[in-house]
Amino acid sequence: MGIRSFLKGNEYANLGTFFYVGYIVAEPIQCWLMQKFPIGKFIGVNVFCWGVLVAATAGAKSYGALLTIRILLGVFEASVAPSLILITGMWWTKAEQSRRTGLWYMQIGVAQIIGAGMSYGFQHVKSPAFANWQILFLFMVSWSELAFLVTTQS
């Protein structure tokens, strides 16, 4: 979608790798912080920061900027799986927890199917101002932040 136009060699592959470096380093810290702060507010802050970084990805024009953003995306996404498990343990009985956890993780596949379709669609968008990958990131952040606002209002 054009993101490789200013990347060289293995830089594109490194962006995927360093996301998980940020994730692995931050997950123990995120788990510790989850125990110190109210879980709803903690997740809200992480989702908001994640959304800001997704939007910033659309504006990144260098490998260094993309690498920094990818590491920070991993840091903020590291709170997702543990927080879902924590919430599941708070609201459902032990007998219900395995089914609920399975439902949480099934949504990863659903999101990948929907995301692949959206990516395919955005590959056909032509814009003089933005590359296809930038439009995709801006669209994704607008929907995720809208979902964040809707869920925090109830």
N, C-alpha and C. Protein backbone atom coordinates (compact mmCIF):
# COMPACT_ATOMS: atom_id res chain seq x y z
N MET A 1 0.82 -1.21 0.00
CA MET A 1 0.00 0.00 0.00
C MET A 1 0.85 1.26 0.00
N GLY A 2 2.14 1.12 -0.21
CA GLY A 2 3.01 2.28 -0.33
C GLY A 2 3.87 2.57 0.89
N ILE A 3 3.73 1.83 1.96
CA ILE A 3 4.49 2.13 3.18
C ILE A 3 5.98 1.81 2.99
N ARG A 4 6.30 0.91 2.10
CA ARG A 4 7.70 0.54 1.88
C ARG A 4 8.47 1.55 1.05
N SER A 5 7.79 2.59 0.55
CA SER A 5 8.45 3.53 -0.35
C SER A 5 9.60 4.29 0.32
N PHE A 6 9.57 4.46 1.64
CA PHE A 6 10.66 5.15 2.31
C PHE A 6 11.40 4.24 3.29
N LEU A 7 11.21 2.94 3.14
CA LEU A 7 11.91 1.96 3.99
C LEU A 7 12.93 1.22 3.14
N LYS A 8 14.00 0.75 3.79
CA LYS A 8 15.07 0.04 3.08
C LYS A 8 15.31 -1.30 3.74
N GLY A 9 15.77 -2.25 2.97
CA GLY A 9 16.19 -3.55 3.49
C GLY A 9 15.14 -4.21 4.37
N ASN A 10 15.56 -4.57 5.58
CA ASN A 10 14.70 -5.28 6.52
C ASN A 10 13.87 -4.35 7.40
N GLU A 11 13.84 -3.09 7.12
CA GLU A 11 13.15 -2.14 8.00
C GLU A 11 11.66 -2.47 8.14
N TYR A 12 11.04 -2.90 7.06
CA TYR A 12 9.61 -3.25 7.13
C TYR A 12 9.40 -4.43 8.08
N ALA A 13 10.23 -5.45 7.97
CA ALA A 13 10.14 -6.61 8.86
C ALA A 13 10.43 -6.22 10.31
N ASN A 14 11.38 -5.31 10.50
CA ASN A 14 11.72 -4.85 11.85
C ASN A 14 10.54 -4.17 12.53
N LEU A 15 9.72 -3.47 11.75
CA LEU A 15 8.55 -2.81 12.34
C LEU A 15 7.62 -3.82 12.99
N GLY A 16 7.45 -4.97 12.36
CA GLY A 16 6.62 -6.03 12.95
C GLY A 16 7.27 -6.64 14.17
N THR A 17 8.56 -6.84 14.12
CA THR A 17 9.29 -7.45 15.24
C THR A 17 9.28 -6.55 16.47
N PHE A 18 9.55 -5.27 16.29
CA PHE A 18 9.68 -4.39 17.44
C PHE A 18 8.35 -4.06 18.10
N PHE A 19 7.25 -4.26 17.40
CA PHE A 19 5.94 -4.18 18.06
C PHE A 19 5.91 -5.18 19.21
N TYR A 20 6.34 -6.41 18.94
CA TYR A 20 6.32 -7.45 19.96
C TYR A 20 7.40 -7.27 21.02
N VAL A 21 8.48 -6.61 20.69
CA VAL A 21 9.48 -6.27 21.70
C VAL A 21 8.84 -5.34 22.74
N GLY A 22 8.17 -4.29 22.26
CA GLY A 22 7.46 -3.39 23.17
C GLY A 22 6.41 -4.12 23.98
N TYR A 23 5.69 -5.03 23.35
CA TYR A 23 4.64 -5.81 24.00
C TYR A 23 5.22 -6.68 25.12
N ILE A 24 6.28 -7.43 24.81
CA ILE A 24 6.87 -8.35 25.80
C ILE A 24 7.47 -7.59 26.98
N VAL A 25 8.14 -6.50 26.70
CA VAL A 25 8.76 -5.71 27.78
C VAL A 25 7.69 -5.08 28.67
N ALA A 26 6.62 -4.59 28.06
CA ALA A 26 5.61 -3.83 28.80
C ALA A 26 4.57 -4.69 29.51
N GLU A 27 4.35 -5.91 29.07
CA GLU A 27 3.25 -6.69 29.65
C GLU A 27 3.37 -6.89 31.17
N PRO A 28 4.53 -7.25 31.71
CA PRO A 28 4.60 -7.38 33.17
C PRO A 28 4.32 -6.05 33.89
N ILE A 29 4.80 -4.96 33.32
CA ILE A 29 4.56 -3.64 33.92
C ILE A 29 3.08 -3.30 33.85
N GLN A 30 2.46 -3.56 32.70
CA GLN A 30 1.03 -3.30 32.54
C GLN A 30 0.21 -4.13 33.54
N CYS A 31 0.59 -5.39 33.72
CA CYS A 31 -0.13 -6.25 34.67
C CYS A 31 -0.01 -5.71 36.09
N TRP A 32 1.16 -5.23 36.44
CA TRP A 32 1.35 -4.65 37.77
C TRP A 32 0.50 -3.40 37.93
N LEU A 33 0.49 -2.53 36.90
CA LEU A 33 -0.30 -1.30 36.96
C LEU A 33 -1.80 -1.58 37.03
N MET A 34 -2.24 -2.66 36.37
CA MET A 34 -3.66 -3.03 36.43
C MET A 34 -4.13 -3.30 37.85
N GLN A 35 -3.23 -3.78 38.66
CA GLN A 35 -3.57 -4.09 40.04
C GLN A 35 -3.55 -2.84 40.93
N LYS A 36 -2.96 -1.77 40.46
CA LYS A 36 -2.83 -0.55 41.25
C LYS A 36 -3.88 0.51 40.93
N PHE A 37 -4.47 0.44 39.73
CA PHE A 37 -5.43 1.45 39.29
C PHE A 37 -6.77 0.81 38.97
N PRO A 38 -7.86 1.59 39.00
CA PRO A 38 -9.17 1.05 38.59
C PRO A 38 -9.09 0.54 37.15
N ILE A 39 -9.55 -0.69 36.95
CA ILE A 39 -9.36 -1.35 35.66
C ILE A 39 -10.04 -0.61 34.51
N GLY A 40 -11.23 -0.06 34.71
CA GLY A 40 -11.93 0.65 33.65
C GLY A 40 -11.17 1.88 33.18
N LYS A 41 -10.67 2.65 34.13
CA LYS A 41 -9.90 3.84 33.77
C LYS A 41 -8.56 3.47 33.15
N PHE A 42 -7.95 2.43 33.67
CA PHE A 42 -6.67 1.98 33.15
C PHE A 42 -6.80 1.55 31.69
N ILE A 43 -7.81 0.75 31.38
CA ILE A 43 -8.03 0.32 30.00
C ILE A 43 -8.37 1.52 29.12
N GLY A 44 -9.19 2.42 29.65
CA GLY A 44 -9.56 3.61 28.89
C GLY A 44 -8.35 4.43 28.47
N VAL A 45 -7.41 4.63 29.39
CA VAL A 45 -6.20 5.40 29.08
C VAL A 45 -5.38 4.66 28.03
N ASN A 46 -5.24 3.34 28.18
CA ASN A 46 -4.46 2.56 27.22
C ASN A 46 -5.09 2.59 25.83
N VAL A 47 -6.41 2.45 25.76
CA VAL A 47 -7.09 2.48 24.46
C VAL A 47 -6.95 3.86 23.82
N PHE A 48 -7.08 4.91 24.62
CA PHE A 48 -6.95 6.26 24.08
C PHE A 48 -5.53 6.48 23.53
N CYS A 49 -4.52 6.11 24.32
CA CYS A 49 -3.13 6.27 23.87
C CYS A 49 -2.86 5.44 22.63
N TRP A 50 -3.40 4.22 22.58
CA TRP A 50 -3.24 3.37 21.41
C TRP A 50 -3.85 4.05 20.19
N GLY A 51 -5.03 4.64 20.34
CA GLY A 51 -5.68 5.34 19.23
C GLY A 51 -4.88 6.53 18.73
N VAL A 52 -4.31 7.27 19.66
CA VAL A 52 -3.47 8.42 19.27
C VAL A 52 -2.26 7.93 18.47
N LEU A 53 -1.68 6.83 18.89
CA LEU A 53 -0.52 6.29 18.17
C LEU A 53 -0.89 5.75 16.80
N VAL A 54 -2.07 5.14 16.68
CA VAL A 54 -2.51 4.68 15.36
C VAL A 54 -2.66 5.88 14.42
N ALA A 55 -3.23 6.96 14.93
CA ALA A 55 -3.36 8.18 14.12
C ALA A 55 -1.99 8.74 13.76
N ALA A 56 -1.07 8.70 14.70
CA ALA A 56 0.28 9.21 14.45
C ALA A 56 1.00 8.37 13.39
N THR A 57 0.64 7.10 13.29
CA THR A 57 1.25 6.23 12.28
C THR A 57 0.99 6.79 10.88
N ALA A 58 -0.19 7.33 10.67
CA ALA A 58 -0.52 7.89 9.35
C ALA A 58 0.36 9.07 9.00
N GLY A 59 0.89 9.75 9.99
CA GLY A 59 1.74 10.92 9.73
C GLY A 59 3.22 10.62 9.71
N ALA A 60 3.61 9.41 10.06
CA ALA A 60 5.03 9.05 10.11
C ALA A 60 5.61 8.96 8.70
N LYS A 61 6.76 9.55 8.51
CA LYS A 61 7.40 9.57 7.19
C LYS A 61 8.81 9.00 7.20
N SER A 62 9.25 8.47 8.35
CA SER A 62 10.61 7.93 8.41
C SER A 62 10.59 6.62 9.18
N TYR A 63 11.64 5.85 9.00
CA TYR A 63 11.77 4.58 9.70
C TYR A 63 11.83 4.78 11.21
N GLY A 64 12.57 5.77 11.67
CA GLY A 64 12.69 6.03 13.10
C GLY A 64 11.35 6.36 13.74
N ALA A 65 10.55 7.18 13.06
CA ALA A 65 9.23 7.53 13.59
C ALA A 65 8.33 6.31 13.63
N LEU A 66 8.33 5.53 12.55
CA LEU A 66 7.51 4.32 12.52
C LEU A 66 7.95 3.32 13.58
N LEU A 67 9.25 3.17 13.76
CA LEU A 67 9.77 2.22 14.75
C LEU A 67 9.35 2.63 16.16
N THR A 68 9.46 3.90 16.48
CA THR A 68 9.05 4.40 17.79
C THR A 68 7.56 4.17 18.02
N ILE A 69 6.77 4.48 17.02
CA ILE A 69 5.32 4.30 17.14
C ILE A 69 4.97 2.83 17.30
N ARG A 70 5.62 1.95 16.54
CA ARG A 70 5.33 0.51 16.64
C ARG A 70 5.69 -0.04 18.02
N ILE A 71 6.81 0.40 18.58
CA ILE A 71 7.18 -0.05 19.93
C ILE A 71 6.13 0.42 20.93
N LEU A 72 5.72 1.69 20.84
CA LEU A 72 4.71 2.22 21.77
C LEU A 72 3.34 1.57 21.56
N LEU A 73 3.01 1.22 20.33
CA LEU A 73 1.76 0.47 20.10
C LEU A 73 1.81 -0.87 20.83
N GLY A 74 2.95 -1.53 20.79
CA GLY A 74 3.11 -2.78 21.53
C GLY A 74 2.96 -2.58 23.03
N VAL A 75 3.52 -1.48 23.54
CA VAL A 75 3.42 -1.18 24.97
C VAL A 75 1.96 -1.03 25.39
N PHE A 76 1.20 -0.25 24.63
CA PHE A 76 -0.19 -0.01 25.03
C PHE A 76 -1.11 -1.20 24.73
N GLU A 77 -0.78 -1.98 23.72
CA GLU A 77 -1.59 -3.15 23.43
C GLU A 77 -1.30 -4.30 24.41
N ALA A 78 -0.19 -4.23 25.12
CA ALA A 78 0.17 -5.28 26.08
C ALA A 78 -0.84 -5.39 27.22
N SER A 79 -1.64 -4.38 27.41
CA SER A 79 -2.63 -4.42 28.50
C SER A 79 -3.91 -5.14 28.10
N VAL A 80 -4.12 -5.38 26.82
CA VAL A 80 -5.42 -5.90 26.36
C VAL A 80 -5.72 -7.29 26.89
N ALA A 81 -4.90 -8.27 26.57
CA ALA A 81 -5.19 -9.65 26.97
C ALA A 81 -5.28 -9.82 28.49
N PRO A 82 -4.32 -9.30 29.26
CA PRO A 82 -4.45 -9.46 30.72
C PRO A 82 -5.68 -8.76 31.29
N SER A 83 -6.03 -7.60 30.74
CA SER A 83 -7.20 -6.89 31.28
C SER A 83 -8.49 -7.63 30.96
N LEU A 84 -8.57 -8.25 29.79
CA LEU A 84 -9.76 -9.03 29.46
C LEU A 84 -9.88 -10.25 30.38
N ILE A 85 -8.78 -10.86 30.68
CA ILE A 85 -8.80 -11.99 31.61
C ILE A 85 -9.19 -11.52 33.01
N LEU A 86 -8.68 -10.38 33.43
CA LEU A 86 -9.02 -9.82 34.74
C LEU A 86 -10.50 -9.48 34.82
N ILE A 87 -11.03 -8.85 33.80
CA ILE A 87 -12.45 -8.51 33.78
C ILE A 87 -13.32 -9.77 33.76
N THR A 88 -12.90 -10.76 33.01
CA THR A 88 -13.65 -12.02 32.97
C THR A 88 -13.70 -12.64 34.36
N GLY A 89 -12.58 -12.60 35.07
CA GLY A 89 -12.54 -13.15 36.43
C GLY A 89 -13.38 -12.35 37.42
N MET A 90 -13.59 -11.07 37.14
CA MET A 90 -14.39 -10.23 38.04
C MET A 90 -15.89 -10.45 37.87
N TRP A 91 -16.33 -10.75 36.65
CA TRP A 91 -17.75 -10.75 36.35
C TRP A 91 -18.37 -12.13 36.19
N TRP A 92 -17.59 -13.16 35.92
CA TRP A 92 -18.17 -14.48 35.68
C TRP A 92 -17.60 -15.50 36.65
N THR A 93 -18.38 -16.54 36.89
CA THR A 93 -17.95 -17.62 37.78
C THR A 93 -16.85 -18.43 37.11
N LYS A 94 -16.17 -19.26 37.90
CA LYS A 94 -15.10 -20.08 37.34
C LYS A 94 -15.61 -20.99 36.22
N ALA A 95 -16.81 -21.50 36.38
CA ALA A 95 -17.36 -22.37 35.33
C ALA A 95 -17.62 -21.61 34.04
N GLU A 96 -17.92 -20.33 34.12
CA GLU A 96 -18.23 -19.52 32.93
C GLU A 96 -16.99 -18.88 32.30
N GLN A 97 -15.91 -18.79 33.05
CA GLN A 97 -14.74 -18.04 32.59
C GLN A 97 -14.08 -18.61 31.35
N SER A 98 -14.00 -19.94 31.23
CA SER A 98 -13.33 -20.51 30.06
C SER A 98 -14.10 -20.21 28.78
N ARG A 99 -15.43 -20.27 28.84
CA ARG A 99 -16.24 -19.94 27.66
C ARG A 99 -16.08 -18.47 27.29
N ARG A 100 -16.12 -17.60 28.28
CA ARG A 100 -15.98 -16.16 28.01
C ARG A 100 -14.59 -15.83 27.46
N THR A 101 -13.57 -16.43 28.02
CA THR A 101 -12.22 -16.19 27.52
C THR A 101 -12.10 -16.66 26.07
N GLY A 102 -12.69 -17.80 25.77
CA GLY A 102 -12.71 -18.29 24.39
C GLY A 102 -13.41 -17.32 23.46
N LEU A 103 -14.51 -16.73 23.93
CA LEU A 103 -15.22 -15.74 23.11
C LEU A 103 -14.37 -14.49 22.88
N TRP A 104 -13.63 -14.05 23.91
CA TRP A 104 -12.74 -12.90 23.73
C TRP A 104 -11.74 -13.19 22.61
N TYR A 105 -11.11 -14.37 22.70
CA TYR A 105 -10.06 -14.70 21.74
C TYR A 105 -10.59 -15.02 20.35
N MET A 106 -11.84 -15.48 20.24
CA MET A 106 -12.43 -15.71 18.92
C MET A 106 -12.55 -14.40 18.14
N GLN A 107 -12.68 -13.30 18.85
CA GLN A 107 -12.83 -12.01 18.18
C GLN A 107 -11.56 -11.58 17.45
N ILE A 108 -10.42 -12.16 17.82
CA ILE A 108 -9.19 -11.87 17.09
C ILE A 108 -9.34 -12.32 15.64
N GLY A 109 -9.87 -13.52 15.44
CA GLY A 109 -10.09 -14.02 14.08
C GLY A 109 -11.11 -13.19 13.32
N VAL A 110 -12.19 -12.81 14.01
CA VAL A 110 -13.21 -11.97 13.37
C VAL A 110 -12.60 -10.64 12.95
N ALA A 111 -11.81 -10.04 13.82
CA ALA A 111 -11.17 -8.76 13.51
C ALA A 111 -10.21 -8.90 12.33
N GLN A 112 -9.50 -10.02 12.24
CA GLN A 112 -8.58 -10.22 11.12
C GLN A 112 -9.34 -10.36 9.80
N ILE A 113 -10.47 -11.02 9.83
CA ILE A 113 -11.28 -11.16 8.62
C ILE A 113 -11.80 -9.80 8.17
N ILE A 114 -12.35 -9.05 9.09
CA ILE A 114 -12.88 -7.73 8.77
C ILE A 114 -11.75 -6.79 8.34
N GLY A 115 -10.64 -6.83 9.06
CA GLY A 115 -9.49 -5.98 8.73
C GLY A 115 -8.92 -6.29 7.36
N ALA A 116 -8.88 -7.57 6.99
CA ALA A 116 -8.37 -7.93 5.66
C ALA A 116 -9.28 -7.38 4.57
N GLY A 117 -10.58 -7.47 4.78
CA GLY A 117 -11.52 -6.91 3.81
C GLY A 117 -11.38 -5.41 3.69
N MET A 118 -11.21 -4.74 4.83
CA MET A 118 -11.04 -3.28 4.81
C MET A 118 -9.73 -2.91 4.11
N SER A 119 -8.68 -3.65 4.40
CA SER A 119 -7.40 -3.38 3.76
C SER A 119 -7.51 -3.53 2.24
N TYR A 120 -8.17 -4.58 1.82
CA TYR A 120 -8.37 -4.78 0.38
C TYR A 120 -9.12 -3.60 -0.22
N GLY A 121 -10.16 -3.14 0.45
CA GLY A 121 -10.93 -2.01 -0.05
C GLY A 121 -10.11 -0.74 -0.13
N PHE A 122 -9.30 -0.48 0.89
CA PHE A 122 -8.49 0.74 0.90
C PHE A 122 -7.34 0.71 -0.09
N GLN A 123 -6.98 -0.48 -0.58
CA GLN A 123 -5.95 -0.56 -1.61
C GLN A 123 -6.43 0.04 -2.93
N HIS A 124 -7.74 0.18 -3.08
CA HIS A 124 -8.30 0.72 -4.32
C HIS A 124 -8.68 2.19 -4.21
N VAL A 125 -8.44 2.81 -3.06
CA VAL A 125 -8.74 4.23 -2.88
C VAL A 125 -7.58 5.05 -3.45
N LYS A 126 -7.89 6.03 -4.23
CA LYS A 126 -6.86 6.91 -4.80
C LYS A 126 -7.02 8.30 -4.21
N SER A 127 -5.93 8.82 -3.65
CA SER A 127 -5.95 10.15 -3.05
C SER A 127 -4.63 10.85 -3.33
N PRO A 128 -4.70 12.11 -3.74
CA PRO A 128 -3.45 12.84 -3.97
C PRO A 128 -2.76 13.26 -2.66
N ALA A 129 -3.54 13.33 -1.57
CA ALA A 129 -2.99 13.83 -0.30
C ALA A 129 -2.43 12.72 0.58
N PHE A 130 -3.01 11.53 0.54
CA PHE A 130 -2.61 10.45 1.44
C PHE A 130 -2.35 9.17 0.67
N ALA A 131 -1.39 8.39 1.17
CA ALA A 131 -1.17 7.04 0.64
C ALA A 131 -2.28 6.13 1.17
N ASN A 132 -2.48 5.01 0.51
CA ASN A 132 -3.54 4.08 0.93
C ASN A 132 -3.40 3.65 2.39
N TRP A 133 -2.16 3.35 2.81
CA TRP A 133 -1.95 2.88 4.18
C TRP A 133 -2.25 3.99 5.18
N GLN A 134 -2.02 5.24 4.84
CA GLN A 134 -2.33 6.35 5.74
C GLN A 134 -3.84 6.49 5.91
N ILE A 135 -4.58 6.36 4.83
CA ILE A 135 -6.04 6.44 4.90
C ILE A 135 -6.59 5.32 5.76
N LEU A 136 -6.04 4.11 5.60
CA LEU A 136 -6.48 2.97 6.40
C LEU A 136 -6.26 3.23 7.89
N PHE A 137 -5.10 3.74 8.27
CA PHE A 137 -4.82 4.02 9.68
C PHE A 137 -5.75 5.11 10.23
N LEU A 138 -6.00 6.15 9.44
CA LEU A 138 -6.90 7.21 9.90
C LEU A 138 -8.33 6.69 10.06
N PHE A 139 -8.75 5.86 9.16
CA PHE A 139 -10.09 5.27 9.25
C PHE A 139 -10.20 4.38 10.49
N MET A 140 -9.19 3.55 10.70
CA MET A 140 -9.21 2.64 11.86
C MET A 140 -9.24 3.40 13.17
N VAL A 141 -8.47 4.46 13.28
CA VAL A 141 -8.45 5.20 14.54
C VAL A 141 -9.78 5.91 14.76
N SER A 142 -10.40 6.40 13.71
CA SER A 142 -11.69 7.08 13.91
C SER A 142 -12.74 6.10 14.41
N TRP A 143 -12.75 4.88 13.90
CA TRP A 143 -13.71 3.89 14.37
C TRP A 143 -13.39 3.40 15.78
N SER A 144 -12.12 3.19 16.08
CA SER A 144 -11.78 2.70 17.42
C SER A 144 -12.05 3.77 18.47
N GLU A 145 -11.76 5.02 18.16
CA GLU A 145 -12.04 6.09 19.13
C GLU A 145 -13.55 6.30 19.29
N LEU A 146 -14.31 6.13 18.22
CA LEU A 146 -15.77 6.22 18.32
C LEU A 146 -16.30 5.11 19.22
N ALA A 147 -15.78 3.89 19.04
CA ALA A 147 -16.19 2.78 19.90
C ALA A 147 -15.82 3.05 21.34
N PHE A 148 -14.64 3.64 21.56
CA PHE A 148 -14.20 3.99 22.91
C PHE A 148 -15.17 4.99 23.56
N LEU A 149 -15.54 6.01 22.81
CA LEU A 149 -16.47 7.02 23.35
C LEU A 149 -17.83 6.44 23.66
N VAL A 150 -18.32 5.57 22.79
CA VAL A 150 -19.64 4.96 23.01
C VAL A 150 -19.62 4.08 24.25
N THR A 151 -18.57 3.26 24.41
CA THR A 151 -18.54 2.35 25.54
C THR A 151 -18.28 3.06 26.87
N THR A 152 -17.60 4.19 26.85
CA THR A 152 -17.35 4.88 28.11
C THR A 152 -18.53 5.76 28.53
N GLN A 153 -19.46 6.01 27.63
CA GLN A 153 -20.63 6.82 27.97
C GLN A 153 -21.71 6.03 28.70
N SER A 154 -21.69 4.71 28.58
CA SER A 154 -22.74 3.90 29.21
C SER A 154 -22.37 3.45 30.60
